[in-house]
Amino acid sequence: MLALEALLAHFPNPHLVALGVERIHGRRLARALPFQMDKLRAELERELRLLRRHQPQRTR
């Protein structure tokens, strides 16, 4: 769970990544990238919510 939280905390800005991708791979791929990265982020956030929901409660 900590690894997933760290990944989401440092998830790159899709639009900045797309600018770099456009220079290397072309405009067509770069246009689709922000949507795909947003979709990936949403899936990772969903997995984290599920993990947190099923995590045993801590007792003090």
PDB file of N, CA and C in Angstrom:
ATOM      1  N   MET A   1       0.824  -1.176   0.000  1.00  0.00           N
ATOM      2  CA  MET A   1       0.000   0.000   0.000  1.00  0.00           C
ATOM      3  C   MET A   1       0.881   1.257   0.000  1.00  0.00           C
ATOM      4  N   LEU A   2       1.979   1.249   0.732  1.00  0.00           N
ATOM      5  CA  LEU A   2       2.869   2.407   0.760  1.00  0.00           C
ATOM      6  C   LEU A   2       3.459   2.696  -0.616  1.00  0.00           C
ATOM      7  N   ALA A   3       3.788   1.653  -1.343  1.00  0.00           N
ATOM      8  CA  ALA A   3       4.346   1.846  -2.688  1.00  0.00           C
ATOM      9  C   ALA A   3       3.320   2.505  -3.611  1.00  0.00           C
ATOM     10  N   LEU A   4       2.076   2.097  -3.499  1.00  0.00           N
ATOM     11  CA  LEU A   4       1.017   2.679  -4.323  1.00  0.00           C
ATOM     12  C   LEU A   4       0.790   4.142  -3.952  1.00  0.00           C
ATOM     13  N   GLU A   5       0.812   4.456  -2.649  1.00  0.00           N
ATOM     14  CA  GLU A   5       0.667   5.846  -2.208  1.00  0.00           C
ATOM     15  C   GLU A   5       1.817   6.705  -2.733  1.00  0.00           C
ATOM     16  N   ALA A   6       3.030   6.178  -2.676  1.00  0.00           N
ATOM     17  CA  ALA A   6       4.194   6.922  -3.169  1.00  0.00           C
ATOM     18  C   ALA A   6       4.103   7.141  -4.678  1.00  0.00           C
ATOM     19  N   LEU A   7       3.680   6.126  -5.396  1.00  0.00           N
ATOM     20  CA  LEU A   7       3.532   6.255  -6.848  1.00  0.00           C
ATOM     21  C   LEU A   7       2.527   7.344  -7.202  1.00  0.00           C
ATOM     22  N   LEU A   8       1.393   7.349  -6.522  1.00  0.00           N
ATOM     23  CA  LEU A   8       0.379   8.362  -6.802  1.00  0.00           C
ATOM     24  C   LEU A   8       0.844   9.763  -6.400  1.00  0.00           C
ATOM     25  N   ALA A   9       1.601   9.859  -5.317  1.00  0.00           N
ATOM     26  CA  ALA A   9       2.086  11.164  -4.865  1.00  0.00           C
ATOM     27  C   ALA A   9       3.056  11.780  -5.868  1.00  0.00           C
ATOM     28  N   HIS A  10       3.778  10.939  -6.589  1.00  0.00           N
ATOM     29  CA  HIS A  10       4.783  11.434  -7.527  1.00  0.00           C
ATOM     30  C   HIS A  10       4.408  11.158  -8.982  1.00  0.00           C
ATOM     31  N   PHE A  11       3.125  10.921  -9.216  1.00  0.00           N
ATOM     32  CA  PHE A  11       2.652  10.641 -10.567  1.00  0.00           C
ATOM     33  C   PHE A  11       2.904  11.869 -11.439  1.00  0.00           C
ATOM     34  N   PRO A  12       3.500  11.679 -12.600  1.00  0.00           N
ATOM     35  CA  PRO A  12       3.866  12.838 -13.430  1.00  0.00           C
ATOM     36  C   PRO A  12       2.650  13.555 -14.015  1.00  0.00           C
ATOM     37  N   ASN A  13       2.862  14.809 -14.339  1.00  0.00           N
ATOM     38  CA  ASN A  13       1.842  15.619 -14.992  1.00  0.00           C
ATOM     39  C   ASN A  13       1.687  15.118 -16.434  1.00  0.00           C
ATOM     40  N   PRO A  14       0.508  14.617 -16.804  1.00  0.00           N
ATOM     41  CA  PRO A  14       0.327  14.034 -18.143  1.00  0.00           C
ATOM     42  C   PRO A  14       0.603  15.009 -19.282  1.00  0.00           C
ATOM     43  N   HIS A  15       0.285  16.275 -19.085  1.00  0.00           N
ATOM     44  CA  HIS A  15       0.475  17.243 -20.166  1.00  0.00           C
ATOM     45  C   HIS A  15       1.952  17.551 -20.388  1.00  0.00           C
ATOM     46  N   LEU A  16       2.730  17.590 -19.314  1.00  0.00           N
ATOM     47  CA  LEU A  16       4.167  17.805 -19.478  1.00  0.00           C
ATOM     48  C   LEU A  16       4.830  16.592 -20.124  1.00  0.00           C
ATOM     49  N   VAL A  17       4.397  15.409 -19.735  1.00  0.00           N
ATOM     50  CA  VAL A  17       4.938  14.188 -20.342  1.00  0.00           C
ATOM     51  C   VAL A  17       4.595  14.158 -21.827  1.00  0.00           C
ATOM     52  N   ALA A  18       3.383  14.575 -22.164  1.00  0.00           N
ATOM     53  CA  ALA A  18       2.954  14.572 -23.571  1.00  0.00           C
ATOM     54  C   ALA A  18       3.830  15.480 -24.425  1.00  0.00           C
ATOM     55  N   LEU A  19       4.279  16.597 -23.860  1.00  0.00           N
ATOM     56  CA  LEU A  19       5.161  17.484 -24.625  1.00  0.00           C
ATOM     57  C   LEU A  19       6.458  16.776 -24.998  1.00  0.00           C
ATOM     58  N   GLY A  20       7.029  16.038 -24.054  1.00  0.00           N
ATOM     59  CA  GLY A  20       8.248  15.285 -24.337  1.00  0.00           C
ATOM     60  C   GLY A  20       8.004  14.156 -25.320  1.00  0.00           C
ATOM     61  N   VAL A  21       6.881  13.485 -25.185  1.00  0.00           N
ATOM     62  CA  VAL A  21       6.537  12.384 -26.083  1.00  0.00           C
ATOM     63  C   VAL A  21       6.320  12.904 -27.499  1.00  0.00           C
ATOM     64  N   GLU A  22       5.713  14.078 -27.615  1.00  0.00           N
ATOM     65  CA  GLU A  22       5.458  14.638 -28.952  1.00  0.00           C
ATOM     66  C   GLU A  22       6.766  14.875 -29.702  1.00  0.00           C
ATOM     67  N   ARG A  23       7.773  15.341 -29.006  1.00  0.00           N
ATOM     68  CA  ARG A  23       9.062  15.585 -29.662  1.00  0.00           C
ATOM     69  C   ARG A  23       9.686  14.290 -30.175  1.00  0.00           C
ATOM     70  N   ILE A  24       9.486  13.208 -29.452  1.00  0.00           N
ATOM     71  CA  ILE A  24      10.136  11.944 -29.808  1.00  0.00           C
ATOM     72  C   ILE A  24       9.261  11.075 -30.715  1.00  0.00           C
ATOM     73  N   HIS A  25       7.970  10.946 -30.373  1.00  0.00           N
ATOM     74  CA  HIS A  25       7.108   9.974 -31.055  1.00  0.00           C
ATOM     75  C   HIS A  25       6.030  10.579 -31.944  1.00  0.00           C
ATOM     76  N   GLY A  26       5.863  11.880 -31.910  1.00  0.00           N
ATOM     77  CA  GLY A  26       4.876  12.504 -32.782  1.00  0.00           C
ATOM     78  C   GLY A  26       3.616  12.947 -32.057  1.00  0.00           C
ATOM     79  N   ARG A  27       2.879  13.795 -32.750  1.00  0.00           N
ATOM     80  CA  ARG A  27       1.697  14.440 -32.176  1.00  0.00           C
ATOM     81  C   ARG A  27       0.558  13.467 -31.897  1.00  0.00           C
ATOM     82  N   ARG A  28       0.350  12.498 -32.756  1.00  0.00           N
ATOM     83  CA  ARG A  28      -0.784  11.576 -32.591  1.00  0.00           C
ATOM     84  C   ARG A  28      -0.711  10.827 -31.270  1.00  0.00           C
ATOM     85  N   LEU A  29       0.440  10.284 -30.964  1.00  0.00           N
ATOM     86  CA  LEU A  29       0.618   9.558 -29.709  1.00  0.00           C
ATOM     87  C   LEU A  29       0.528  10.511 -28.519  1.00  0.00           C
ATOM     88  N   ALA A  30       1.092  11.689 -28.661  1.00  0.00           N
ATOM     89  CA  ALA A  30       1.086  12.663 -27.565  1.00  0.00           C
ATOM     90  C   ALA A  30      -0.329  13.120 -27.224  1.00  0.00           C
ATOM     91  N   ARG A  31      -1.205  13.206 -28.210  1.00  0.00           N
ATOM     92  CA  ARG A  31      -2.587  13.619 -27.939  1.00  0.00           C
ATOM     93  C   ARG A  31      -3.328  12.593 -27.097  1.00  0.00           C
ATOM     94  N   ALA A  32      -3.062  11.329 -27.292  1.00  0.00           N
ATOM     95  CA  ALA A  32      -3.755  10.273 -26.551  1.00  0.00           C
ATOM     96  C   ALA A  32      -3.170  10.067 -25.151  1.00  0.00           C
ATOM     97  N   LEU A  33      -1.949  10.495 -24.946  1.00  0.00           N
ATOM     98  CA  LEU A  33      -1.255  10.208 -23.688  1.00  0.00           C
ATOM     99  C   LEU A  33      -1.929  10.783 -22.441  1.00  0.00           C
ATOM    100  N   PRO A  34      -2.337  12.057 -22.400  1.00  0.00           N
ATOM    101  CA  PRO A  34      -2.963  12.565 -21.171  1.00  0.00           C
ATOM    102  C   PRO A  34      -4.207  11.774 -20.766  1.00  0.00           C
ATOM    103  N   PHE A  35      -5.026  11.399 -21.740  1.00  0.00           N
ATOM    104  CA  PHE A  35      -6.218  10.606 -21.434  1.00  0.00           C
ATOM    105  C   PHE A  35      -5.834   9.257 -20.837  1.00  0.00           C
ATOM    106  N   GLN A  36      -4.861   8.596 -21.435  1.00  0.00           N
ATOM    107  CA  GLN A  36      -4.436   7.286 -20.946  1.00  0.00           C
ATOM    108  C   GLN A  36      -3.815   7.386 -19.551  1.00  0.00           C
ATOM    109  N   MET A  37      -3.035   8.436 -19.311  1.00  0.00           N
ATOM    110  CA  MET A  37      -2.421   8.607 -17.993  1.00  0.00           C
ATOM    111  C   MET A  37      -3.471   8.942 -16.931  1.00  0.00           C
ATOM    112  N   ASP A  38      -4.475   9.739 -17.292  1.00  0.00           N
ATOM    113  CA  ASP A  38      -5.564  10.025 -16.357  1.00  0.00           C
ATOM    114  C   ASP A  38      -6.323   8.749 -16.021  1.00  0.00           C
ATOM    115  N   LYS A  39      -6.529   7.918 -17.019  1.00  0.00           N
ATOM    116  CA  LYS A  39      -7.211   6.640 -16.807  1.00  0.00           C
ATOM    117  C   LYS A  39      -6.387   5.741 -15.881  1.00  0.00           C
ATOM    118  N   LEU A  40      -5.083   5.691 -16.098  1.00  0.00           N
ATOM    119  CA  LEU A  40      -4.200   4.897 -15.247  1.00  0.00           C
ATOM    120  C   LEU A  40      -4.215   5.418 -13.815  1.00  0.00           C
ATOM    121  N   ARG A  41      -4.151   6.739 -13.648  1.00  0.00           N
ATOM    122  CA  ARG A  41      -4.189   7.329 -12.304  1.00  0.00           C
ATOM    123  C   ARG A  41      -5.493   6.960 -11.596  1.00  0.00           C
ATOM    124  N   ALA A  42      -6.607   7.023 -12.303  1.00  0.00           N
ATOM    125  CA  ALA A  42      -7.906   6.677 -11.720  1.00  0.00           C
ATOM    126  C   ALA A  42      -7.929   5.215 -11.282  1.00  0.00           C
ATOM    127  N   GLU A  43      -7.364   4.333 -12.081  1.00  0.00           N
ATOM    128  CA  GLU A  43      -7.312   2.916 -11.719  1.00  0.00           C
ATOM    129  C   GLU A  43      -6.434   2.692 -10.490  1.00  0.00           C
ATOM    130  N   LEU A  44      -5.303   3.385 -10.415  1.00  0.00           N
ATOM    131  CA  LEU A  44      -4.426   3.262  -9.250  1.00  0.00           C
ATOM    132  C   LEU A  44      -5.104   3.802  -7.992  1.00  0.00           C
ATOM    133  N   GLU A  45      -5.804   4.923  -8.115  1.00  0.00           N
ATOM    134  CA  GLU A  45      -6.527   5.477  -6.972  1.00  0.00           C
ATOM    135  C   GLU A  45      -7.632   4.535  -6.513  1.00  0.00           C
ATOM    136  N   ARG A  46      -8.293   3.885  -7.453  1.00  0.00           N
ATOM    137  CA  ARG A  46      -9.339   2.911  -7.112  1.00  0.00           C
ATOM    138  C   ARG A  46      -8.746   1.740  -6.342  1.00  0.00           C
ATOM    139  N   GLU A  47      -7.611   1.239  -6.811  1.00  0.00           N
ATOM    140  CA  GLU A  47      -6.947   0.134  -6.116  1.00  0.00           C
ATOM    141  C   GLU A  47      -6.548   0.535  -4.699  1.00  0.00           C
ATOM    142  N   LEU A  48      -6.057   1.751  -4.540  1.00  0.00           N
ATOM    143  CA  LEU A  48      -5.669   2.224  -3.217  1.00  0.00           C
ATOM    144  C   LEU A  48      -6.884   2.315  -2.300  1.00  0.00           C
ATOM    145  N   ARG A  49      -8.004   2.814  -2.808  1.00  0.00           N
ATOM    146  CA  ARG A  49      -9.234   2.865  -2.000  1.00  0.00           C
ATOM    147  C   ARG A  49      -9.654   1.471  -1.566  1.00  0.00           C
ATOM    148  N   LEU A  50      -9.581   0.507  -2.480  1.00  0.00           N
ATOM    149  CA  LEU A  50      -9.951  -0.869  -2.143  1.00  0.00           C
ATOM    150  C   LEU A  50      -9.022  -1.447  -1.083  1.00  0.00           C
ATOM    151  N   LEU A  51      -7.736  -1.181  -1.215  1.00  0.00           N
ATOM    152  CA  LEU A  51      -6.782  -1.662  -0.213  1.00  0.00           C
ATOM    153  C   LEU A  51      -7.069  -1.056   1.152  1.00  0.00           C
ATOM    154  N   ARG A  52      -7.334   0.224   1.175  1.00  0.00           N
ATOM    155  CA  ARG A  52      -7.623   0.892   2.455  1.00  0.00           C
ATOM    156  C   ARG A  52      -8.911   0.375   3.075  1.00  0.00           C
ATOM    157  N   ARG A  53      -9.895   0.089   2.250  1.00  0.00           N
ATOM    158  CA  ARG A  53     -11.177  -0.401   2.750  1.00  0.00           C
ATOM    159  C   ARG A  53     -11.030  -1.777   3.401  1.00  0.00           C
ATOM    160  N   HIS A  54     -10.158  -2.610   2.853  1.00  0.00           N
ATOM    161  CA  HIS A  54     -10.010  -3.979   3.352  1.00  0.00           C
ATOM    162  C   HIS A  54      -8.851  -4.135   4.325  1.00  0.00           C
ATOM    163  N   GLN A  55      -8.229  -3.021   4.690  1.00  0.00           N
ATOM    164  CA  GLN A  55      -7.125  -3.076   5.647  1.00  0.00           C
ATOM    165  C   GLN A  55      -7.700  -3.274   7.048  1.00  0.00           C
ATOM    166  N   PRO A  56      -7.082  -4.159   7.841  1.00  0.00           N
ATOM    167  CA  PRO A  56      -7.576  -4.360   9.209  1.00  0.00           C
ATOM    168  C   PRO A  56      -7.467  -3.064  10.021  1.00  0.00           C
ATOM    169  N   GLN A  57      -8.437  -2.842  10.895  1.00  0.00           N
ATOM    170  CA  GLN A  57      -8.439  -1.650  11.738  1.00  0.00           C
ATOM    171  C   GLN A  57      -7.342  -1.740  12.783  1.00  0.00           C
ATOM    172  N   ARG A  58      -6.664  -0.630  13.004  1.00  0.00           N
ATOM    173  CA  ARG A  58      -5.613  -0.587  14.021  1.00  0.00           C
ATOM    174  C   ARG A  58      -6.247  -0.398  15.392  1.00  0.00           C
ATOM    175  N   THR A  59      -5.674  -1.042  16.372  1.00  0.00           N
ATOM    176  CA  THR A  59      -6.130  -0.854  17.750  1.00  0.00           C
ATOM    177  C   THR A  59      -5.028  -0.175  18.531  1.00  0.00           C
ATOM    178  N   ARG A  60      -5.411   0.702  19.422  1.00  0.00           N
ATOM    179  CA  ARG A  60      -4.411   1.436  20.215  1.00  0.00           C
ATOM    180  C   ARG A  60      -4.316   0.889  21.595  1.00  0.00           C
TER     181      ARG A  60
END
